[in-house]
Amino acid sequence: MNVSIDWLAFVQVFAAAICGAVLVVGFYALGLRLLVRAGRVPVVAPAEFTDAIAVISEKQARRRAKAAAKAAKKSPLTAGQKRVAYIGAVGAFALCGLAVLGGIVLIVAGR
């Protein structure tokens, strides 16, 4: 029994995985950054898990929402700049989704 490894194919898969990870994380981070600059800080409601490491209380959630609203009011950007940042955020999230879909297409339709 002779086992041979196609090292070029291994390197291609490794490079594709690294590029895909960098694209998805990069576009997502850019989208979040632009979303915050647009004054739309995402506030996530606390989740109640039985084995969670840390669960925030309703008081802490209200405090964080209040801080996010205060930060949105302090934005030095004009209304037009906020709109452009929001459109950029939506575009970055769309590119993130396209990168994920491209990876799925490569997995399903690739050889």
Protein backbone atom coordinates (compact mmCIF):
# COMPACT_ATOMS: atom_id res chain seq x y z
CA MET A 1 0.00 0.00 0.00
CA ASN A 2 1.51 3.27 -1.16
CA VAL A 3 0.17 6.54 0.22
CA SER A 4 1.08 9.75 -1.57
CA ILE A 5 0.14 13.24 -0.52
CA ASP A 6 -0.53 15.96 -3.05
CA TRP A 7 1.25 18.80 -1.25
CA LEU A 8 0.27 21.41 -3.84
CA ALA A 9 -3.41 20.67 -3.25
CA PHE A 10 -2.80 20.89 0.51
CA VAL A 11 -1.18 24.32 0.12
CA GLN A 12 -4.04 25.50 -2.10
CA VAL A 13 -6.66 24.46 0.46
CA PHE A 14 -4.65 26.06 3.27
CA ALA A 15 -4.28 29.35 1.35
CA ALA A 16 -7.98 29.38 0.46
CA ALA A 17 -8.94 28.79 4.10
CA ILE A 18 -6.66 31.58 5.35
CA CYS A 19 -7.90 34.01 2.68
CA GLY A 20 -11.52 33.14 3.39
CA ALA A 21 -11.08 33.61 7.14
CA VAL A 22 -9.31 36.95 6.67
CA LEU A 23 -12.03 38.18 4.29
CA VAL A 24 -14.95 37.17 6.50
CA VAL A 25 -13.45 38.53 9.72
CA GLY A 26 -12.14 41.66 8.02
CA PHE A 27 -15.43 42.58 6.35
CA TYR A 28 -17.37 41.85 9.54
CA ALA A 29 -15.04 44.00 11.65
CA LEU A 30 -15.20 46.80 9.08
CA GLY A 31 -18.99 46.58 9.05
CA LEU A 32 -19.18 46.81 12.85
CA ARG A 33 -16.76 49.73 12.89
CA LEU A 34 -18.76 51.64 10.29
CA LEU A 35 -22.01 50.79 12.06
CA VAL A 36 -20.70 52.30 15.28
CA ARG A 37 -19.41 55.38 13.42
CA ALA A 38 -22.88 55.76 11.92
CA GLY A 39 -24.27 56.04 15.44
CA ARG A 40 -26.07 52.70 15.42
CA VAL A 41 -24.27 50.81 18.16
CA PRO A 42 -25.54 47.21 18.22
CA VAL A 43 -26.84 46.31 21.67
CA VAL A 44 -27.55 42.62 22.21
CA ALA A 45 -30.00 41.48 24.83
CA PRO A 46 -28.47 39.23 27.49
CA ALA A 47 -28.91 35.51 27.07
CA GLU A 48 -29.77 33.21 29.94
CA PHE A 49 -27.77 30.00 29.76
CA THR A 50 -27.57 27.51 32.56
CA ASP A 51 -23.81 27.08 32.24
CA ALA A 52 -22.82 30.56 31.08
CA ILE A 53 -19.59 32.04 32.36
CA ALA A 54 -21.08 35.48 32.92
CA VAL A 55 -24.68 36.58 32.56
CA ILE A 56 -25.46 40.27 32.79
CA SER A 57 -28.45 41.52 34.70
CA GLU A 58 -31.26 43.66 33.33
CA LYS A 59 -29.75 46.66 35.12
CA GLN A 60 -26.41 46.11 33.40
CA ALA A 61 -28.17 45.72 30.04
CA ARG A 62 -30.03 49.00 30.53
CA ARG A 63 -26.78 50.70 31.54
CA ARG A 64 -25.04 49.43 28.40
CA ALA A 65 -27.95 50.51 26.18
CA LYS A 66 -27.87 53.96 27.80
CA ALA A 67 -24.10 54.21 27.22
CA ALA A 68 -24.57 53.19 23.57
CA ALA A 69 -27.25 55.85 23.08
CA LYS A 70 -25.02 58.46 24.72
CA ALA A 71 -22.10 57.48 22.47
CA ALA A 72 -24.36 57.74 19.40
CA LYS A 73 -25.33 61.30 20.38
CA LYS A 74 -21.67 62.36 20.76
CA SER A 75 -20.75 61.41 17.19
CA PRO A 76 -18.94 64.30 15.47
CA LEU A 77 -20.19 63.21 12.05
CA THR A 78 -22.83 65.07 10.10
CA ALA A 79 -26.06 63.36 9.06
CA GLY A 80 -24.68 62.78 5.56
CA GLN A 81 -21.48 61.25 6.88
CA LYS A 82 -23.48 58.96 9.16
CA ARG A 83 -25.59 57.85 6.21
CA VAL A 84 -22.46 57.08 4.15
CA ALA A 85 -20.99 55.13 7.09
CA TYR A 86 -24.23 53.15 7.43
CA ILE A 87 -24.30 52.35 3.71
CA GLY A 88 -20.64 51.28 3.97
CA ALA A 89 -21.51 49.04 6.93
CA VAL A 90 -24.32 47.37 5.03
CA GLY A 91 -21.97 46.91 2.07
CA ALA A 92 -19.28 45.38 4.28
CA PHE A 93 -21.80 42.95 5.80
CA ALA A 94 -22.98 42.07 2.29
CA LEU A 95 -19.38 41.36 1.22
CA CYS A 96 -18.95 39.21 4.33
CA GLY A 97 -22.03 37.23 3.33
CA LEU A 98 -20.79 36.90 -0.24
CA ALA A 99 -17.45 35.57 1.01
CA VAL A 100 -19.29 32.92 3.04
CA LEU A 101 -21.52 32.02 0.09
CA GLY A 102 -18.46 31.83 -2.17
CA GLY A 103 -16.87 29.37 0.23
CA ILE A 104 -20.02 27.27 0.28
CA VAL A 105 -20.14 27.25 -3.53
CA LEU A 106 -16.49 26.17 -3.64
CA ILE A 107 -17.22 23.33 -1.24
CA VAL A 108 -20.38 22.14 -2.98
CA ALA A 109 -19.47 22.69 -6.63
CA GLY A 110 -15.67 22.44 -6.37
CA ARG A 111 -13.65 19.44 -7.38
